[in-house]
mmCIF file of all heavy atoms, coordinates in Angstrom:
data_MODEL
# 
_entry.id   MODEL 
# 
loop_
_atom_site.group_PDB 
_atom_site.id 
_atom_site.type_symbol 
_atom_site.label_atom_id 
_atom_site.label_alt_id 
_atom_site.label_comp_id 
_atom_site.label_asym_id 
_atom_site.label_entity_id 
_atom_site.label_seq_id 
_atom_site.pdbx_PDB_ins_code 
_atom_site.Cartn_x 
_atom_site.Cartn_y 
_atom_site.Cartn_z 
_atom_site.occupancy 
_atom_site.B_iso_or_equiv 
_atom_site.pdbx_formal_charge 
_atom_site.auth_seq_id 
_atom_site.auth_comp_id 
_atom_site.auth_asym_id 
_atom_site.auth_atom_id 
_atom_site.pdbx_PDB_model_num 
ATOM 1   N N   . ILE A 1 1  ? 100.844 75.437 0.372   1.00 0.00 ? 1  ILE A N   1 
ATOM 2   C CA  . ILE A 1 1  ? 101.586 76.401 -0.457  1.00 0.00 ? 1  ILE A CA  1 
ATOM 3   C C   . ILE A 1 1  ? 103.107 76.404 -0.047  1.00 0.00 ? 1  ILE A C   1 
ATOM 4   O O   . ILE A 1 1  ? 103.961 76.480 -1.015  1.00 0.00 ? 1  ILE A O   1 
ATOM 5   C CB  . ILE A 1 1  ? 101.009 77.825 -0.295  1.00 0.00 ? 1  ILE A CB  1 
ATOM 6   C CG1 . ILE A 1 1  ? 99.480  77.917 -0.733  1.00 0.00 ? 1  ILE A CG1 1 
ATOM 7   C CG2 . ILE A 1 1  ? 101.820 78.946 -0.770  1.00 0.00 ? 1  ILE A CG2 1 
ATOM 8   C CD1 . ILE A 1 1  ? 98.855  79.130 -0.325  1.00 0.00 ? 1  ILE A CD1 1 
ATOM 9   N N   . ILE A 1 2  ? 103.358 76.288 1.165   1.00 0.00 ? 2  ILE A N   1 
ATOM 10  C CA  . ILE A 1 2  ? 104.891 76.238 1.531   1.00 0.00 ? 2  ILE A CA  1 
ATOM 11  C C   . ILE A 1 2  ? 105.558 75.028 0.919   1.00 0.00 ? 2  ILE A C   1 
ATOM 12  O O   . ILE A 1 2  ? 106.641 74.982 0.485   1.00 0.00 ? 2  ILE A O   1 
ATOM 13  C CB  . ILE A 1 2  ? 104.960 76.426 3.077   1.00 0.00 ? 2  ILE A CB  1 
ATOM 14  C CG1 . ILE A 1 2  ? 104.622 77.773 3.463   1.00 0.00 ? 2  ILE A CG1 1 
ATOM 15  C CG2 . ILE A 1 2  ? 106.363 76.021 3.597   1.00 0.00 ? 2  ILE A CG2 1 
ATOM 16  C CD1 . ILE A 1 2  ? 104.557 78.025 5.055   1.00 0.00 ? 2  ILE A CD1 1 
ATOM 17  N N   . SER A 1 3  ? 104.806 73.882 1.104   1.00 0.00 ? 3  SER A N   1 
ATOM 18  C CA  . SER A 1 3  ? 105.371 72.681 0.623   1.00 0.00 ? 3  SER A CA  1 
ATOM 19  C C   . SER A 1 3  ? 105.531 72.806 -1.047  1.00 0.00 ? 3  SER A C   1 
ATOM 20  O O   . SER A 1 3  ? 106.536 72.299 -1.470  1.00 0.00 ? 3  SER A O   1 
ATOM 21  C CB  . SER A 1 3  ? 104.379 71.564 0.797   1.00 0.00 ? 3  SER A CB  1 
ATOM 22  O OG  . SER A 1 3  ? 104.272 71.334 2.307   1.00 0.00 ? 3  SER A OG  1 
ATOM 23  N N   . ALA A 1 4  ? 104.648 73.395 -1.765  1.00 0.00 ? 4  ALA A N   1 
ATOM 24  C CA  . ALA A 1 4  ? 104.773 73.535 -3.139  1.00 0.00 ? 4  ALA A CA  1 
ATOM 25  C C   . ALA A 1 4  ? 105.819 74.547 -3.547  1.00 0.00 ? 4  ALA A C   1 
ATOM 26  O O   . ALA A 1 4  ? 106.679 74.055 -4.445  1.00 0.00 ? 4  ALA A O   1 
ATOM 27  C CB  . ALA A 1 4  ? 103.439 74.053 -3.714  1.00 0.00 ? 4  ALA A CB  1 
ATOM 28  N N   . ILE A 1 5  ? 106.065 75.499 -2.813  1.00 0.00 ? 5  ILE A N   1 
ATOM 29  C CA  . ILE A 1 5  ? 107.162 76.459 -3.016  1.00 0.00 ? 5  ILE A CA  1 
ATOM 30  C C   . ILE A 1 5  ? 108.530 75.778 -2.706  1.00 0.00 ? 5  ILE A C   1 
ATOM 31  O O   . ILE A 1 5  ? 109.430 75.812 -3.563  1.00 0.00 ? 5  ILE A O   1 
ATOM 32  C CB  . ILE A 1 5  ? 107.100 77.666 -2.161  1.00 0.00 ? 5  ILE A CB  1 
ATOM 33  C CG1 . ILE A 1 5  ? 105.873 78.675 -2.682  1.00 0.00 ? 5  ILE A CG1 1 
ATOM 34  C CG2 . ILE A 1 5  ? 108.297 78.403 -2.180  1.00 0.00 ? 5  ILE A CG2 1 
ATOM 35  C CD1 . ILE A 1 5  ? 105.617 79.726 -1.783  1.00 0.00 ? 5  ILE A CD1 1 
ATOM 36  N N   . ALA A 1 6  ? 108.633 75.019 -1.729  1.00 0.00 ? 6  ALA A N   1 
ATOM 37  C CA  . ALA A 1 6  ? 109.850 74.280 -1.391  1.00 0.00 ? 6  ALA A CA  1 
ATOM 38  C C   . ALA A 1 6  ? 110.221 73.175 -2.493  1.00 0.00 ? 6  ALA A C   1 
ATOM 39  O O   . ALA A 1 6  ? 111.334 73.081 -2.804  1.00 0.00 ? 6  ALA A O   1 
ATOM 40  C CB  . ALA A 1 6  ? 109.693 73.538 -0.026  1.00 0.00 ? 6  ALA A CB  1 
ATOM 41  N N   . LEU A 1 7  ? 109.105 72.534 -3.007  1.00 0.00 ? 7  LEU A N   1 
ATOM 42  C CA  . LEU A 1 7  ? 109.307 71.498 -4.063  1.00 0.00 ? 7  LEU A CA  1 
ATOM 43  C C   . LEU A 1 7  ? 109.822 72.173 -5.283  1.00 0.00 ? 7  LEU A C   1 
ATOM 44  O O   . LEU A 1 7  ? 110.845 71.790 -5.914  1.00 0.00 ? 7  LEU A O   1 
ATOM 45  C CB  . LEU A 1 7  ? 108.109 70.725 -4.290  1.00 0.00 ? 7  LEU A CB  1 
ATOM 46  C CG  . LEU A 1 7  ? 108.119 69.704 -5.308  1.00 0.00 ? 7  LEU A CG  1 
ATOM 47  C CD1 . LEU A 1 7  ? 109.065 68.561 -4.998  1.00 0.00 ? 7  LEU A CD1 1 
ATOM 48  C CD2 . LEU A 1 7  ? 106.732 69.181 -5.649  1.00 0.00 ? 7  LEU A CD2 1 
ATOM 49  N N   . VAL A 1 8  ? 109.316 73.329 -5.573  1.00 0.00 ? 8  VAL A N   1 
ATOM 50  C CA  . VAL A 1 8  ? 109.710 74.079 -6.826  1.00 0.00 ? 8  VAL A CA  1 
ATOM 51  C C   . VAL A 1 8  ? 111.239 74.588 -6.689  1.00 0.00 ? 8  VAL A C   1 
ATOM 52  O O   . VAL A 1 8  ? 111.992 74.409 -7.666  1.00 0.00 ? 8  VAL A O   1 
ATOM 53  C CB  . VAL A 1 8  ? 108.796 75.211 -7.164  1.00 0.00 ? 8  VAL A CB  1 
ATOM 54  C CG1 . VAL A 1 8  ? 109.395 76.124 -8.196  1.00 0.00 ? 8  VAL A CG1 1 
ATOM 55  C CG2 . VAL A 1 8  ? 107.441 74.749 -7.568  1.00 0.00 ? 8  VAL A CG2 1 
ATOM 56  N N   . LEU A 1 9  ? 111.550 75.049 -5.452  1.00 0.00 ? 9  LEU A N   1 
ATOM 57  C CA  . LEU A 1 9  ? 112.927 75.475 -5.282  1.00 0.00 ? 9  LEU A CA  1 
ATOM 58  C C   . LEU A 1 9  ? 113.960 74.349 -5.298  1.00 0.00 ? 9  LEU A C   1 
ATOM 59  O O   . LEU A 1 9  ? 114.996 74.519 -5.876  1.00 0.00 ? 9  LEU A O   1 
ATOM 60  C CB  . LEU A 1 9  ? 113.007 76.268 -3.954  1.00 0.00 ? 9  LEU A CB  1 
ATOM 61  C CG  . LEU A 1 9  ? 112.369 77.619 -3.913  1.00 0.00 ? 9  LEU A CG  1 
ATOM 62  C CD1 . LEU A 1 9  ? 112.474 78.139 -2.472  1.00 0.00 ? 9  LEU A CD1 1 
ATOM 63  C CD2 . LEU A 1 9  ? 112.967 78.521 -4.878  1.00 0.00 ? 9  LEU A CD2 1 
ATOM 64  N N   . ASN A 1 10 ? 113.505 73.146 -4.752  1.00 0.00 ? 10 ASN A N   1 
ATOM 65  C CA  . ASN A 1 10 ? 114.472 71.982 -4.722  1.00 0.00 ? 10 ASN A CA  1 
ATOM 66  C C   . ASN A 1 10 ? 114.602 71.589 -6.227  1.00 0.00 ? 10 ASN A C   1 
ATOM 67  O O   . ASN A 1 10 ? 115.831 71.290 -6.573  1.00 0.00 ? 10 ASN A O   1 
ATOM 68  C CB  . ASN A 1 10 ? 113.873 70.951 -3.984  1.00 0.00 ? 10 ASN A CB  1 
ATOM 69  C CG  . ASN A 1 10 ? 114.163 71.078 -2.410  1.00 0.00 ? 10 ASN A CG  1 
ATOM 70  O OD1 . ASN A 1 10 ? 115.031 71.926 -2.148  1.00 0.00 ? 10 ASN A OD1 1 
ATOM 71  N ND2 . ASN A 1 10 ? 113.172 70.515 -1.643  1.00 0.00 ? 10 ASN A ND2 1 
ATOM 72  N N   . VAL A 1 11 ? 113.677 71.620 -7.019  1.00 0.00 ? 11 VAL A N   1 
ATOM 73  C CA  . VAL A 1 11 ? 113.745 71.224 -8.429  1.00 0.00 ? 11 VAL A CA  1 
ATOM 74  C C   . VAL A 1 11 ? 114.709 72.216 -9.233  1.00 0.00 ? 11 VAL A C   1 
ATOM 75  O O   . VAL A 1 11 ? 115.511 71.731 -9.945  1.00 0.00 ? 11 VAL A O   1 
ATOM 76  C CB  . VAL A 1 11 ? 112.473 70.999 -9.108  1.00 0.00 ? 11 VAL A CB  1 
ATOM 77  C CG1 . VAL A 1 11 ? 112.503 70.816 -10.553 1.00 0.00 ? 11 VAL A CG1 1 
ATOM 78  C CG2 . VAL A 1 11 ? 111.690 69.842 -8.509  1.00 0.00 ? 11 VAL A CG2 1 
ATOM 79  N N   . ALA A 1 12 ? 114.433 73.416 -8.825  1.00 0.00 ? 12 ALA A N   1 
ATOM 80  C CA  . ALA A 1 12 ? 115.153 74.573 -9.642  1.00 0.00 ? 12 ALA A CA  1 
ATOM 81  C C   . ALA A 1 12 ? 116.706 74.328 -9.215  1.00 0.00 ? 12 ALA A C   1 
ATOM 82  O O   . ALA A 1 12 ? 117.570 74.496 -10.064 1.00 0.00 ? 12 ALA A O   1 
ATOM 83  C CB  . ALA A 1 12 ? 114.676 75.872 -9.236  1.00 0.00 ? 12 ALA A CB  1 
ATOM 84  N N   . ILE A 1 13 ? 117.012 74.172 -8.004  1.00 0.00 ? 13 ILE A N   1 
ATOM 85  C CA  . ILE A 1 13 ? 118.444 74.009 -7.586  1.00 0.00 ? 13 ILE A CA  1 
ATOM 86  C C   . ILE A 1 13 ? 119.081 72.813 -8.091  1.00 0.00 ? 13 ILE A C   1 
ATOM 87  O O   . ILE A 1 13 ? 120.162 72.878 -8.530  1.00 0.00 ? 13 ILE A O   1 
ATOM 88  C CB  . ILE A 1 13 ? 118.469 74.084 -5.976  1.00 0.00 ? 13 ILE A CB  1 
ATOM 89  C CG1 . ILE A 1 13 ? 118.067 75.504 -5.368  1.00 0.00 ? 13 ILE A CG1 1 
ATOM 90  C CG2 . ILE A 1 13 ? 119.912 73.599 -5.469  1.00 0.00 ? 13 ILE A CG2 1 
ATOM 91  C CD1 . ILE A 1 13 ? 117.830 75.512 -3.971  1.00 0.00 ? 13 ILE A CD1 1 
ATOM 92  N N   . ALA A 1 14 ? 118.338 71.658 -8.165  1.00 0.00 ? 14 ALA A N   1 
ATOM 93  C CA  . ALA A 1 14 ? 118.881 70.521 -8.674  1.00 0.00 ? 14 ALA A CA  1 
ATOM 94  C C   . ALA A 1 14 ? 119.153 70.557 -10.147 1.00 0.00 ? 14 ALA A C   1 
ATOM 95  O O   . ALA A 1 14 ? 120.148 70.023 -10.588 1.00 0.00 ? 14 ALA A O   1 
ATOM 96  C CB  . ALA A 1 14 ? 117.889 69.304 -8.409  1.00 0.00 ? 14 ALA A CB  1 
ATOM 97  N N   . SER A 1 15 ? 118.102 71.146 -10.887 1.00 0.00 ? 15 SER A N   1 
ATOM 98  C CA  . SER A 1 15 ? 118.479 71.424 -12.378 1.00 0.00 ? 15 SER A CA  1 
ATOM 99  C C   . SER A 1 15 ? 119.610 72.327 -12.581 1.00 0.00 ? 15 SER A C   1 
ATOM 100 O O   . SER A 1 15 ? 120.221 72.161 -13.637 1.00 0.00 ? 15 SER A O   1 
ATOM 101 C CB  . SER A 1 15 ? 117.164 71.732 -13.069 1.00 0.00 ? 15 SER A CB  1 
ATOM 102 O OG  . SER A 1 15 ? 116.748 72.975 -12.651 1.00 0.00 ? 15 SER A OG  1 
ATOM 103 N N   . ALA A 1 16 ? 119.689 73.309 -11.750 1.00 0.00 ? 16 ALA A N   1 
ATOM 104 C CA  . ALA A 1 16 ? 120.881 74.349 -11.943 1.00 0.00 ? 16 ALA A CA  1 
ATOM 105 C C   . ALA A 1 16 ? 122.279 73.504 -11.816 1.00 0.00 ? 16 ALA A C   1 
ATOM 106 O O   . ALA A 1 16 ? 123.247 73.794 -12.518 1.00 0.00 ? 16 ALA A O   1 
ATOM 107 C CB  . ALA A 1 16 ? 120.763 75.353 -10.980 1.00 0.00 ? 16 ALA A CB  1 
ATOM 108 N N   . LYS A 1 17 ? 122.315 72.653 -10.899 1.00 0.00 ? 17 LYS A N   1 
ATOM 109 C CA  . LYS A 1 17 ? 123.585 71.867 -10.620 1.00 0.00 ? 17 LYS A CA  1 
ATOM 110 C C   . LYS A 1 17 ? 123.827 71.064 -11.828 1.00 0.00 ? 17 LYS A C   1 
ATOM 111 O O   . LYS A 1 17 ? 125.021 70.835 -12.226 1.00 0.00 ? 17 LYS A O   1 
ATOM 112 C CB  . LYS A 1 17 ? 123.497 71.082 -9.354  1.00 0.00 ? 17 LYS A CB  1 
ATOM 113 C CG  . LYS A 1 17 ? 123.494 71.800 -8.097  1.00 0.00 ? 17 LYS A CG  1 
ATOM 114 C CD  . LYS A 1 17 ? 123.343 70.981 -6.787  1.00 0.00 ? 17 LYS A CD  1 
ATOM 115 C CE  . LYS A 1 17 ? 123.380 71.744 -5.565  1.00 0.00 ? 17 LYS A CE  1 
ATOM 116 N NZ  . LYS A 1 17 ? 123.293 70.755 -4.422  1.00 0.00 ? 17 LYS A NZ  1 
ATOM 117 N N   . GLU A 1 18 ? 122.909 70.368 -12.337 1.00 0.00 ? 18 GLU A N   1 
ATOM 118 C CA  . GLU A 1 18 ? 123.167 69.602 -13.553 1.00 0.00 ? 18 GLU A CA  1 
ATOM 119 C C   . GLU A 1 18 ? 123.356 70.447 -14.817 1.00 0.00 ? 18 GLU A C   1 
ATOM 120 O O   . GLU A 1 18 ? 124.120 69.940 -15.704 1.00 0.00 ? 18 GLU A O   1 
ATOM 121 C CB  . GLU A 1 18 ? 121.861 68.666 -13.852 1.00 0.00 ? 18 GLU A CB  1 
ATOM 122 C CG  . GLU A 1 18 ? 121.605 67.583 -12.749 1.00 0.00 ? 18 GLU A CG  1 
ATOM 123 C CD  . GLU A 1 18 ? 120.315 67.006 -12.916 1.00 0.00 ? 18 GLU A CD  1 
ATOM 124 O OE1 . GLU A 1 18 ? 119.660 67.146 -13.871 1.00 0.00 ? 18 GLU A OE1 1 
ATOM 125 O OE2 . GLU A 1 18 ? 119.857 66.328 -11.880 1.00 0.00 ? 18 GLU A OE2 1 
ATOM 126 N N   . ALA A 1 19 ? 122.971 71.553 -14.911 1.00 0.00 ? 19 ALA A N   1 
ATOM 127 C CA  . ALA A 1 19 ? 123.146 72.341 -16.043 1.00 0.00 ? 19 ALA A CA  1 
ATOM 128 C C   . ALA A 1 19 ? 124.519 72.877 -16.212 1.00 0.00 ? 19 ALA A C   1 
ATOM 129 O O   . ALA A 1 19 ? 124.974 73.347 -17.238 1.00 0.00 ? 19 ALA A O   1 
ATOM 130 C CB  . ALA A 1 19 ? 122.119 73.567 -16.090 1.00 0.00 ? 19 ALA A CB  1 
ATOM 131 N N   . ALA A 1 20 ? 125.377 72.994 -15.018 1.00 0.00 ? 20 ALA A N   1 
ATOM 132 C CA  . ALA A 1 20 ? 126.625 73.542 -15.208 1.00 0.00 ? 20 ALA A CA  1 
ATOM 133 C C   . ALA A 1 20 ? 127.630 72.439 -14.639 1.00 0.00 ? 20 ALA A C   1 
ATOM 134 O O   . ALA A 1 20 ? 128.209 72.537 -13.439 1.00 0.00 ? 20 ALA A O   1 
ATOM 135 C CB  . ALA A 1 20 ? 126.854 74.708 -14.253 1.00 0.00 ? 20 ALA A CB  1 
ATOM 136 N N   . PRO A 1 21 ? 127.882 71.390 -15.462 1.00 0.00 ? 21 PRO A N   1 
ATOM 137 C CA  . PRO A 1 21 ? 128.927 70.372 -14.940 1.00 0.00 ? 21 PRO A CA  1 
ATOM 138 C C   . PRO A 1 21 ? 130.271 70.874 -14.909 1.00 0.00 ? 21 PRO A C   1 
ATOM 139 O O   . PRO A 1 21 ? 130.652 71.854 -15.649 1.00 0.00 ? 21 PRO A O   1 
ATOM 140 C CB  . PRO A 1 21 ? 128.760 69.210 -16.051 1.00 0.00 ? 21 PRO A CB  1 
ATOM 141 C CG  . PRO A 1 21 ? 128.294 70.074 -17.381 1.00 0.00 ? 21 PRO A CG  1 
ATOM 142 C CD  . PRO A 1 21 ? 127.476 71.146 -16.891 1.00 0.00 ? 21 PRO A CD  1 
ATOM 143 N N   . LYS A 1 22 ? 131.064 70.362 -14.153 1.00 0.00 ? 22 LYS A N   1 
ATOM 144 C CA  . LYS A 1 22 ? 132.569 70.650 -14.000 1.00 0.00 ? 22 LYS A CA  1 
ATOM 145 C C   . LYS A 1 22 ? 133.283 70.323 -15.180 1.00 0.00 ? 22 LYS A C   1 
ATOM 146 O O   . LYS A 1 22 ? 133.003 69.251 -15.723 1.00 0.00 ? 22 LYS A O   1 
ATOM 147 C CB  . LYS A 1 22 ? 133.045 70.075 -12.707 1.00 0.00 ? 22 LYS A CB  1 
ATOM 148 C CG  . LYS A 1 22 ? 132.569 70.686 -11.415 1.00 0.00 ? 22 LYS A CG  1 
ATOM 149 C CD  . LYS A 1 22 ? 133.338 70.240 -10.245 1.00 0.00 ? 22 LYS A CD  1 
ATOM 150 C CE  . LYS A 1 22 ? 132.851 70.802 -8.929  1.00 0.00 ? 22 LYS A CE  1 
ATOM 151 N NZ  . LYS A 1 22 ? 133.541 70.337 -7.846  1.00 0.00 ? 22 LYS A NZ  1 
ATOM 152 N N   . LYS A 1 23 ? 134.169 71.147 -15.542 1.00 0.00 ? 23 LYS A N   1 
ATOM 153 C CA  . LYS A 1 23 ? 134.961 70.713 -16.702 1.00 0.00 ? 23 LYS A CA  1 
ATOM 154 C C   . LYS A 1 23 ? 136.239 70.073 -16.271 1.00 0.00 ? 23 LYS A C   1 
ATOM 155 O O   . LYS A 1 23 ? 136.640 70.165 -15.191 1.00 0.00 ? 23 LYS A O   1 
ATOM 156 C CB  . LYS A 1 23 ? 135.427 72.165 -17.372 1.00 0.00 ? 23 LYS A CB  1 
ATOM 157 C CG  . LYS A 1 23 ? 134.312 72.814 -18.157 1.00 0.00 ? 23 LYS A CG  1 
ATOM 158 C CD  . LYS A 1 23 ? 134.862 74.076 -18.872 1.00 0.00 ? 23 LYS A CD  1 
ATOM 159 C CE  . LYS A 1 23 ? 133.707 74.767 -19.629 1.00 0.00 ? 23 LYS A CE  1 
ATOM 160 N NZ  . LYS A 1 23 ? 134.136 75.705 -20.384 1.00 0.00 ? 23 LYS A NZ  1 
ATOM 161 N N   . ASN A 1 24 ? 136.812 69.339 -17.058 1.00 0.00 ? 24 ASN A N   1 
ATOM 162 C CA  . ASN A 1 24 ? 137.815 68.396 -16.826 1.00 0.00 ? 24 ASN A CA  1 
ATOM 163 C C   . ASN A 1 24 ? 139.350 69.166 -16.753 1.00 0.00 ? 24 ASN A C   1 
ATOM 164 O O   . ASN A 1 24 ? 140.121 68.930 -16.076 1.00 0.00 ? 24 ASN A O   1 
ATOM 165 C CB  . ASN A 1 24 ? 137.944 67.216 -17.812 1.00 0.00 ? 24 ASN A CB  1 
ATOM 166 C CG  . ASN A 1 24 ? 138.853 66.215 -17.359 1.00 0.00 ? 24 ASN A CG  1 
ATOM 167 O OD1 . ASN A 1 24 ? 139.408 66.163 -16.209 1.00 0.00 ? 24 ASN A OD1 1 
ATOM 168 N ND2 . ASN A 1 24 ? 139.000 65.160 -18.191 1.00 0.00 ? 24 ASN A ND2 1 
ATOM 169 N N   . TYR A 1 25 ? 139.496 70.170 -17.749 1.00 0.00 ? 25 TYR A N   1 
ATOM 170 C CA  . TYR A 1 25 ? 140.697 70.781 -17.868 1.00 0.00 ? 25 TYR A CA  1 
ATOM 171 C C   . TYR A 1 25 ? 141.886 69.930 -17.935 1.00 0.00 ? 25 TYR A C   1 
ATOM 172 O O   . TYR A 1 25 ? 143.024 70.122 -17.365 1.00 0.00 ? 25 TYR A O   1 
ATOM 173 C CB  . TYR A 1 25 ? 140.974 71.807 -16.794 1.00 0.00 ? 25 TYR A CB  1 
ATOM 174 C CG  . TYR A 1 25 ? 139.817 72.790 -16.517 1.00 0.00 ? 25 TYR A CG  1 
ATOM 175 C CD1 . TYR A 1 25 ? 138.912 72.882 -15.460 1.00 0.00 ? 25 TYR A CD1 1 
ATOM 176 C CD2 . TYR A 1 25 ? 139.576 73.667 -17.544 1.00 0.00 ? 25 TYR A CD2 1 
ATOM 177 C CE1 . TYR A 1 25 ? 137.934 73.733 -15.260 1.00 0.00 ? 25 TYR A CE1 1 
ATOM 178 C CE2 . TYR A 1 25 ? 138.521 74.689 -17.463 1.00 0.00 ? 25 TYR A CE2 1 
ATOM 179 C CZ  . TYR A 1 25 ? 137.713 74.623 -16.303 1.00 0.00 ? 25 TYR A CZ  1 
ATOM 180 O OH  . TYR A 1 25 ? 136.701 75.611 -16.128 1.00 0.00 ? 25 TYR A OH  1 
# 
């Protein structure tokens, strides 16, 4: 259960980083 929760959190964090790319300005 702990491994499954950790895996879900890692995927959520990784997808959040990709969803908000840095702008160039």
